[in-house]
PDB file of N, CA and C in Angstrom:
ATOM      1  N   MET A   1     -26.245  -8.413 -30.373  1.00  0.00           N
ATOM      2  CA  MET A   1     -26.268  -7.850 -29.040  1.00  0.00           C
ATOM      3  C   MET A   1     -24.850  -7.538 -28.586  1.00  0.00           C
ATOM      4  N   ALA A   2     -24.693  -6.381 -28.014  1.00  0.00           N
ATOM      5  CA  ALA A   2     -23.380  -5.970 -27.529  1.00  0.00           C
ATOM      6  C   ALA A   2     -23.310  -6.134 -26.014  1.00  0.00           C
ATOM      7  N   ASP A   3     -22.181  -6.606 -25.538  1.00  0.00           N
ATOM      8  CA  ASP A   3     -21.950  -6.783 -24.106  1.00  0.00           C
ATOM      9  C   ASP A   3     -21.208  -5.559 -23.582  1.00  0.00           C
ATOM     10  N   TRP A   4     -21.919  -4.697 -22.864  1.00  0.00           N
ATOM     11  CA  TRP A   4     -21.347  -3.461 -22.338  1.00  0.00           C
ATOM     12  C   TRP A   4     -20.848  -3.609 -20.910  1.00  0.00           C
ATOM     13  N   GLY A   5     -20.957  -4.769 -20.313  1.00  0.00           N
ATOM     14  CA  GLY A   5     -20.518  -4.992 -18.940  1.00  0.00           C
ATOM     15  C   GLY A   5     -19.058  -4.659 -18.700  1.00  0.00           C
ATOM     16  N   PRO A   6     -18.138  -5.212 -19.499  1.00  0.00           N
ATOM     17  CA  PRO A   6     -16.723  -4.895 -19.293  1.00  0.00           C
ATOM     18  C   PRO A   6     -16.399  -3.414 -19.455  1.00  0.00           C
ATOM     19  N   VAL A   7     -17.060  -2.752 -20.388  1.00  0.00           N
ATOM     20  CA  VAL A   7     -16.800  -1.330 -20.615  1.00  0.00           C
ATOM     21  C   VAL A   7     -17.254  -0.504 -19.416  1.00  0.00           C
ATOM     22  N   VAL A   8     -18.463  -0.771 -18.934  1.00  0.00           N
ATOM     23  CA  VAL A   8     -19.004  -0.017 -17.800  1.00  0.00           C
ATOM     24  C   VAL A   8     -18.173  -0.247 -16.548  1.00  0.00           C
ATOM     25  N   VAL A   9     -17.837  -1.500 -16.271  1.00  0.00           N
ATOM     26  CA  VAL A   9     -17.041  -1.820 -15.080  1.00  0.00           C
ATOM     27  C   VAL A   9     -15.669  -1.155 -15.161  1.00  0.00           C
ATOM     28  N   ALA A  10     -15.022  -1.202 -16.317  1.00  0.00           N
ATOM     29  CA  ALA A  10     -13.693  -0.607 -16.468  1.00  0.00           C
ATOM     30  C   ALA A  10     -13.731   0.907 -16.288  1.00  0.00           C
ATOM     31  N   VAL A  11     -14.730   1.571 -16.845  1.00  0.00           N
ATOM     32  CA  VAL A  11     -14.819   3.029 -16.723  1.00  0.00           C
ATOM     33  C   VAL A  11     -15.102   3.443 -15.282  1.00  0.00           C
ATOM     34  N   VAL A  12     -16.033   2.759 -14.625  1.00  0.00           N
ATOM     35  CA  VAL A  12     -16.366   3.102 -13.237  1.00  0.00           C
ATOM     36  C   VAL A  12     -15.162   2.885 -12.327  1.00  0.00           C
ATOM     37  N   LEU A  13     -14.485   1.755 -12.472  1.00  0.00           N
ATOM     38  CA  LEU A  13     -13.304   1.505 -11.644  1.00  0.00           C
ATOM     39  C   LEU A  13     -12.192   2.508 -11.941  1.00  0.00           C
ATOM     40  N   PHE A  14     -12.015   2.878 -13.204  1.00  0.00           N
ATOM     41  CA  PHE A  14     -10.975   3.845 -13.556  1.00  0.00           C
ATOM     42  C   PHE A  14     -11.234   5.189 -12.889  1.00  0.00           C
ATOM     43  N   VAL A  15     -12.481   5.642 -12.924  1.00  0.00           N
ATOM     44  CA  VAL A  15     -12.815   6.930 -12.315  1.00  0.00           C
ATOM     45  C   VAL A  15     -12.663   6.869 -10.800  1.00  0.00           C
ATOM     46  N   LEU A  16     -13.129   5.794 -10.178  1.00  0.00           N
ATOM     47  CA  LEU A  16     -13.060   5.688  -8.721  1.00  0.00           C
ATOM     48  C   LEU A  16     -11.645   5.483  -8.202  1.00  0.00           C
ATOM     49  N   LEU A  17     -10.778   4.856  -9.000  1.00  0.00           N
ATOM     50  CA  LEU A  17      -9.435   4.531  -8.525  1.00  0.00           C
ATOM     51  C   LEU A  17      -8.348   5.465  -9.050  1.00  0.00           C
ATOM     52  N   MET A  18      -8.726   6.616  -9.600  1.00  0.00           N
ATOM     53  CA  MET A  18      -7.699   7.581 -10.011  1.00  0.00           C
ATOM     54  C   MET A  18      -6.966   8.078  -8.773  1.00  0.00           C
ATOM     55  N   PRO A  19      -5.648   7.963  -8.739  1.00  0.00           N
ATOM     56  CA  PRO A  19      -4.914   8.404  -7.548  1.00  0.00           C
ATOM     57  C   PRO A  19      -5.133   9.888  -7.267  1.00  0.00           C
ATOM     58  N   GLY A  20      -5.527  10.202  -6.047  1.00  0.00           N
ATOM     59  CA  GLY A  20      -5.703  11.581  -5.637  1.00  0.00           C
ATOM     60  C   GLY A  20      -7.108  12.111  -5.773  1.00  0.00           C
ATOM     61  N   LEU A  21      -7.967  11.467  -6.557  1.00  0.00           N
ATOM     62  CA  LEU A  21      -9.326  11.979  -6.722  1.00  0.00           C
ATOM     63  C   LEU A  21     -10.149  11.723  -5.465  1.00  0.00           C
ATOM     64  N   LEU A  22     -10.360  10.473  -5.117  1.00  0.00           N
ATOM     65  CA  LEU A  22     -11.074  10.129  -3.891  1.00  0.00           C
ATOM     66  C   LEU A  22     -10.121   9.685  -2.799  1.00  0.00           C
ATOM     67  N   ILE A  23      -9.176   8.838  -3.169  1.00  0.00           N
ATOM     68  CA  ILE A  23      -8.264   8.242  -2.197  1.00  0.00           C
ATOM     69  C   ILE A  23      -6.901   8.068  -2.859  1.00  0.00           C
ATOM     70  N   GLN A  24      -5.856   8.185  -2.070  1.00  0.00           N
ATOM     71  CA  GLN A  24      -4.505   7.951  -2.585  1.00  0.00           C
ATOM     72  C   GLN A  24      -3.774   7.020  -1.630  1.00  0.00           C
ATOM     73  N   ILE A  25      -3.331   5.895  -2.165  1.00  0.00           N
ATOM     74  CA  ILE A  25      -2.578   4.903  -1.385  1.00  0.00           C
ATOM     75  C   ILE A  25      -1.255   4.672  -2.098  1.00  0.00           C
ATOM     76  N   PRO A  26      -0.116   4.854  -1.592  1.00  0.00           N
ATOM     77  CA  PRO A  26       0.232   5.596  -0.380  1.00  0.00           C
ATOM     78  C   PRO A  26       0.208   7.088  -0.655  1.00  0.00           C
ATOM     79  N   GLY A  27      -0.124   7.856   0.363  1.00  0.00           N
ATOM     80  CA  GLY A  27      -0.175   9.307   0.237  1.00  0.00           C
ATOM     81  C   GLY A  27       1.212   9.920   0.355  1.00  0.00           C
ATOM     82  N   ARG A  28       1.279  11.219   0.205  1.00  0.00           N
ATOM     83  CA  ARG A  28       2.573  11.907   0.325  1.00  0.00           C
ATOM     84  C   ARG A  28       3.014  12.022   1.778  1.00  0.00           C
ATOM     85  N   ASN A  29       2.068  12.283   2.685  1.00  0.00           N
ATOM     86  CA  ASN A  29       2.415  12.469   4.091  1.00  0.00           C
ATOM     87  C   ASN A  29       1.911  11.346   4.987  1.00  0.00           C
ATOM     88  N   LYS A  30       0.887  10.630   4.545  1.00  0.00           N
ATOM     89  CA  LYS A  30       0.289   9.547   5.327  1.00  0.00           C
ATOM     90  C   LYS A  30       0.194   8.309   4.443  1.00  0.00           C
ATOM     91  N   VAL A  31      -0.191   7.197   5.059  1.00  0.00           N
ATOM     92  CA  VAL A  31      -0.359   5.974   4.273  1.00  0.00           C
ATOM     93  C   VAL A  31      -1.552   6.115   3.333  1.00  0.00           C
ATOM     94  N   VAL A  32      -2.654   6.672   3.836  1.00  0.00           N
ATOM     95  CA  VAL A  32      -3.861   6.872   3.034  1.00  0.00           C
ATOM     96  C   VAL A  32      -4.268   8.332   3.151  1.00  0.00           C
ATOM     97  N   GLU A  33      -4.490   8.979   2.013  1.00  0.00           N
ATOM     98  CA  GLU A  33      -4.969  10.361   1.991  1.00  0.00           C
ATOM     99  C   GLU A  33      -6.228  10.429   1.143  1.00  0.00           C
ATOM    100  N   PHE A  34      -7.130  11.318   1.515  1.00  0.00           N
ATOM    101  CA  PHE A  34      -8.407  11.449   0.832  1.00  0.00           C
ATOM    102  C   PHE A  34      -8.514  12.803   0.148  1.00  0.00           C
ATOM    103  N   GLY A  35      -8.818  12.798  -1.152  1.00  0.00           N
ATOM    104  CA  GLY A  35      -9.111  14.003  -1.911  1.00  0.00           C
ATOM    105  C   GLY A  35      -8.021  15.054  -1.939  1.00  0.00           C
ATOM    106  N   ASN A  36      -6.766  14.663  -2.064  1.00  0.00           N
ATOM    107  CA  ASN A  36      -5.691  15.652  -2.058  1.00  0.00           C
ATOM    108  C   ASN A  36      -5.322  16.138  -3.458  1.00  0.00           C
ATOM    109  N   MET A  37      -5.831  15.496  -4.516  1.00  0.00           N
ATOM    110  CA  MET A  37      -5.609  15.884  -5.912  1.00  0.00           C
ATOM    111  C   MET A  37      -4.130  15.933  -6.293  1.00  0.00           C
ATOM    112  N   GLN A  38      -3.304  15.117  -5.648  1.00  0.00           N
ATOM    113  CA  GLN A  38      -1.893  14.980  -5.999  1.00  0.00           C
ATOM    114  C   GLN A  38      -1.604  13.497  -6.200  1.00  0.00           C
ATOM    115  N   THR A  39      -0.491  13.187  -6.828  1.00  0.00           N
ATOM    116  CA  THR A  39      -0.156  11.786  -7.046  1.00  0.00           C
ATOM    117  C   THR A  39       1.360  11.618  -7.073  1.00  0.00           C
ATOM    118  N   SER A  40       1.776  10.372  -7.089  1.00  0.00           N
ATOM    119  CA  SER A  40       3.195  10.039  -7.193  1.00  0.00           C
ATOM    120  C   SER A  40       3.313   8.765  -8.021  1.00  0.00           C
ATOM    121  N   GLY A  41       4.517   8.438  -8.410  1.00  0.00           N
ATOM    122  CA  GLY A  41       4.729   7.227  -9.203  1.00  0.00           C
ATOM    123  C   GLY A  41       4.347   5.968  -8.454  1.00  0.00           C
ATOM    124  N   LEU A  42       4.689   5.899  -7.175  1.00  0.00           N
ATOM    125  CA  LEU A  42       4.342   4.733  -6.363  1.00  0.00           C
ATOM    126  C   LEU A  42       2.831   4.605  -6.208  1.00  0.00           C
ATOM    127  N   SER A  43       2.155   5.725  -6.039  1.00  0.00           N
ATOM    128  CA  SER A  43       0.703   5.706  -5.926  1.00  0.00           C
ATOM    129  C   SER A  43       0.055   5.218  -7.219  1.00  0.00           C
ATOM    130  N   ILE A  44       0.574   5.637  -8.354  1.00  0.00           N
ATOM    131  CA  ILE A  44       0.052   5.174  -9.642  1.00  0.00           C
ATOM    132  C   ILE A  44       0.238   3.667  -9.774  1.00  0.00           C
ATOM    133  N   LEU A  45       1.389   3.154  -9.360  1.00  0.00           N
ATOM    134  CA  LEU A  45       1.647   1.715  -9.418  1.00  0.00           C
ATOM    135  C   LEU A  45       0.687   0.938  -8.522  1.00  0.00           C
ATOM    136  N   VAL A  46       0.484   1.403  -7.302  1.00  0.00           N
ATOM    137  CA  VAL A  46      -0.419   0.719  -6.368  1.00  0.00           C
ATOM    138  C   VAL A  46      -1.847   0.731  -6.896  1.00  0.00           C
ATOM    139  N   HIS A  47      -2.312   1.879  -7.395  1.00  0.00           N
ATOM    140  CA  HIS A  47      -3.670   1.970  -7.918  1.00  0.00           C
ATOM    141  C   HIS A  47      -3.837   1.127  -9.183  1.00  0.00           C
ATOM    142  N   THR A  48      -2.799   0.989  -9.988  1.00  0.00           N
ATOM    143  CA  THR A  48      -2.863   0.135 -11.177  1.00  0.00           C
ATOM    144  C   THR A  48      -3.026  -1.329 -10.792  1.00  0.00           C
ATOM    145  N   ILE A  49      -2.303  -1.769  -9.793  1.00  0.00           N
ATOM    146  CA  ILE A  49      -2.416  -3.156  -9.327  1.00  0.00           C
ATOM    147  C   ILE A  49      -3.806  -3.416  -8.751  1.00  0.00           C
ATOM    148  N   ILE A  50      -4.322  -2.472  -7.955  1.00  0.00           N
ATOM    149  CA  ILE A  50      -5.672  -2.619  -7.396  1.00  0.00           C
ATOM    150  C   ILE A  50      -6.705  -2.640  -8.516  1.00  0.00           C
ATOM    151  N   TYR A  51      -6.566  -1.754  -9.508  1.00  0.00           N
ATOM    152  CA  TYR A  51      -7.481  -1.692 -10.649  1.00  0.00           C
ATOM    153  C   TYR A  51      -7.491  -3.015 -11.413  1.00  0.00           C
ATOM    154  N   PHE A  52      -6.316  -3.541 -11.716  1.00  0.00           N
ATOM    155  CA  PHE A  52      -6.229  -4.804 -12.449  1.00  0.00           C
ATOM    156  C   PHE A  52      -6.863  -5.942 -11.654  1.00  0.00           C
ATOM    157  N   GLY A  53      -6.599  -5.991 -10.358  1.00  0.00           N
ATOM    158  CA  GLY A  53      -7.171  -7.047  -9.527  1.00  0.00           C
ATOM    159  C   GLY A  53      -8.687  -6.980  -9.472  1.00  0.00           C
ATOM    160  N   LEU A  54      -9.240  -5.796  -9.234  1.00  0.00           N
ATOM    161  CA  LEU A  54     -10.696  -5.659  -9.170  1.00  0.00           C
ATOM    162  C   LEU A  54     -11.346  -5.908 -10.525  1.00  0.00           C
ATOM    163  N   LEU A  55     -10.728  -5.431 -11.599  1.00  0.00           N
ATOM    164  CA  LEU A  55     -11.274  -5.657 -12.935  1.00  0.00           C
ATOM    165  C   LEU A  55     -11.295  -7.146 -13.267  1.00  0.00           C
ATOM    166  N   THR A  56     -10.242  -7.853 -12.901  1.00  0.00           N
ATOM    167  CA  THR A  56     -10.191  -9.298 -13.123  1.00  0.00           C
ATOM    168  C   THR A  56     -11.275 -10.014 -12.332  1.00  0.00           C
ATOM    169  N   ILE A  57     -11.462  -9.617 -11.093  1.00  0.00           N
ATOM    170  CA  ILE A  57     -12.497 -10.250 -10.268  1.00  0.00           C
ATOM    171  C   ILE A  57     -13.880 -10.009 -10.857  1.00  0.00           C
ATOM    172  N   PHE A  58     -14.182  -8.765 -11.216  1.00  0.00           N
ATOM    173  CA  PHE A  58     -15.514  -8.452 -11.724  1.00  0.00           C
ATOM    174  C   PHE A  58     -15.795  -9.087 -13.079  1.00  0.00           C
ATOM    175  N   LEU A  59     -14.801  -9.150 -13.957  1.00  0.00           N
ATOM    176  CA  LEU A  59     -15.062  -9.634 -15.311  1.00  0.00           C
ATOM    177  C   LEU A  59     -14.913 -11.139 -15.457  1.00  0.00           C
ATOM    178  N   ILE A  60     -13.958 -11.736 -14.768  1.00  0.00           N
ATOM    179  CA  ILE A  60     -13.727 -13.171 -14.941  1.00  0.00           C
ATOM    180  C   ILE A  60     -14.419 -13.988 -13.860  1.00  0.00           C
ATOM    181  N   ALA A  61     -14.193 -13.643 -12.603  1.00  0.00           N
ATOM    182  CA  ALA A  61     -14.742 -14.454 -11.515  1.00  0.00           C
ATOM    183  C   ALA A  61     -16.250 -14.269 -11.371  1.00  0.00           C
ATOM    184  N   ILE A  62     -16.721 -13.025 -11.392  1.00  0.00           N
ATOM    185  CA  ILE A  62     -18.152 -12.769 -11.217  1.00  0.00           C
ATOM    186  C   ILE A  62     -18.874 -12.819 -12.554  1.00  0.00           C
ATOM    187  N   GLY A  63     -18.253 -12.341 -13.604  1.00  0.00           N
ATOM    188  CA  GLY A  63     -18.849 -12.384 -14.941  1.00  0.00           C
ATOM    189  C   GLY A  63     -19.941 -11.349 -15.143  1.00  0.00           C
ATOM    190  N   VAL A  64     -19.613 -10.079 -14.972  1.00  0.00           N
ATOM    191  CA  VAL A  64     -20.588  -9.006 -15.148  1.00  0.00           C
ATOM    192  C   VAL A  64     -20.886  -8.843 -16.637  1.00  0.00           C
ATOM    193  N   HIS A  65     -22.182  -8.868 -16.988  1.00  0.00           N
ATOM    194  CA  HIS A  65     -22.608  -8.696 -18.379  1.00  0.00           C
ATOM    195  C   HIS A  65     -23.772  -7.724 -18.428  1.00  0.00           C
ATOM    196  N   ILE A  66     -23.727  -6.781 -19.367  1.00  0.00           N
ATOM    197  CA  ILE A  66     -24.834  -5.861 -19.627  1.00  0.00           C
ATOM    198  C   ILE A  66     -25.073  -5.914 -21.133  1.00  0.00           C
ATOM    199  N   TYR A  67     -26.204  -6.494 -21.527  1.00  0.00           N
ATOM    200  CA  TYR A  67     -26.506  -6.639 -22.949  1.00  0.00           C
ATOM    201  C   TYR A  67     -27.477  -5.559 -23.402  1.00  0.00           C
ATOM    202  N   THR A  68     -27.233  -5.015 -24.595  1.00  0.00           N
ATOM    203  CA  THR A  68     -28.147  -4.042 -25.184  1.00  0.00           C
ATOM    204  C   THR A  68     -28.739  -4.641 -26.448  1.00  0.00           C
ATOM    205  N   GLY A  69     -29.965  -4.291 -26.714  1.00  0.00           N
ATOM    206  CA  GLY A  69     -30.683  -4.865 -27.836  1.00  0.00           C
ATOM    207  C   GLY A  69     -30.282  -4.266 -29.114  1.00  0.00           C
TER     208      GLY A  69
END
């Protein structure tokens, strides 16, 4: 049996937390910008830290598992 939980959680979080796609923290002109399709180095760093934190919470603290037969 393969555990697909970590893979699914990582892919979903990666897509949702891409800087500039849905939200960008910090934005170029404001603290938070929505759907501007631009990014910066600081924004990439902030989104990486948020991604790592959420991934750690979902995989270690909550223990998300999806098993396939």
